[in-house]
Amino acid sequence: MYPSRQSFFQNIPPVVKNLLIINVLIWAFMALLPAAESFFDRNLALYYFSSPAFKPFQLFSYMFLHGGFMHLFFNMFALVMFGRTIEMTMGSARFLFYYITCGICAALVQMGVFAIYINNLEGILPADAANEAINRGFDLIQNGYNFQDPDLARLNAFVNTPMVGASGAIYGVLLAFGFLFPNIPVYIFFIPVPIKAKWLIIGYFVLELLYGVSGSADGVAHFAHLGGMIFGFLLLRYWKKKGVFGNHWFF
């Protein structure tokens, strides 16, 4: 008798496998039950610190919610394709710490950028109007409305529009792959030739920076992506300096 070959899913290490299962189950639950979607968006998505809906645990919970199937698919595809290698290199406990840290730091970076925009808007608006926009604006956005005044509308959008998705953590995983295995060729969609991992990661970083600074592709938290990469790099450099992985580092 020949030994049976394990399925691809069975070969996925435990942290990546459980992250995949949790994210897919939450998305499916929200897609099938509209009431659950409303509850999760209101309570588990990440709102700006001054929003009436903000809760500290949202800095963690937001990364398990996604805005749609394609958002979920691309994040989970990258998690499986790159995260499984990183988890097997780091070990499961360290990988989980790395993933969660990148996700939380990504959120903090995006909130920091929002703080700059919000402070600028509050500086040109009467204090009473700004407070009203923050306090009343949450209910308006929940019902699909916003203020007519463009400055109030922008302030309300920054404060009371939720952020969701694992992208900040995923960009940290991509950074780790390029850091650990810089010369491994990687194939990506629509490009017929392989690209070395280090150049792919640098390209992603530059694109996200350009999008973030220019304000292009509204609705995408580009600075969260950058935050996941930056703090992932800092953490990896620290571990490298401490000799955590011995000779397993390739960069």
Foldseek 3Di string as FASTA:
>chain_A
DDDDDDDLLVLQDDVLNVLLVQLVVLAVVCVVDVVSVLVCQQAQFAFAPLAPSHDVCNLQRQASYDDDDVLSVVLSVLCRVQVSVVCVQQPPVVSVVLLRVQSSQLVVQLSVVLVVVLVVLCVVDDVVLLVCLRHVVQVQVSVPHHDPPPSSRVNNCSGRPTHHHSLSSSLLSLLVRCFQQQQDWDDDPPDPGTDGSVVVNVVLLVVLVVCVVVVPPPPDSSSSNNSSNVVSVVVVVVCVVVCVNPPSGDD
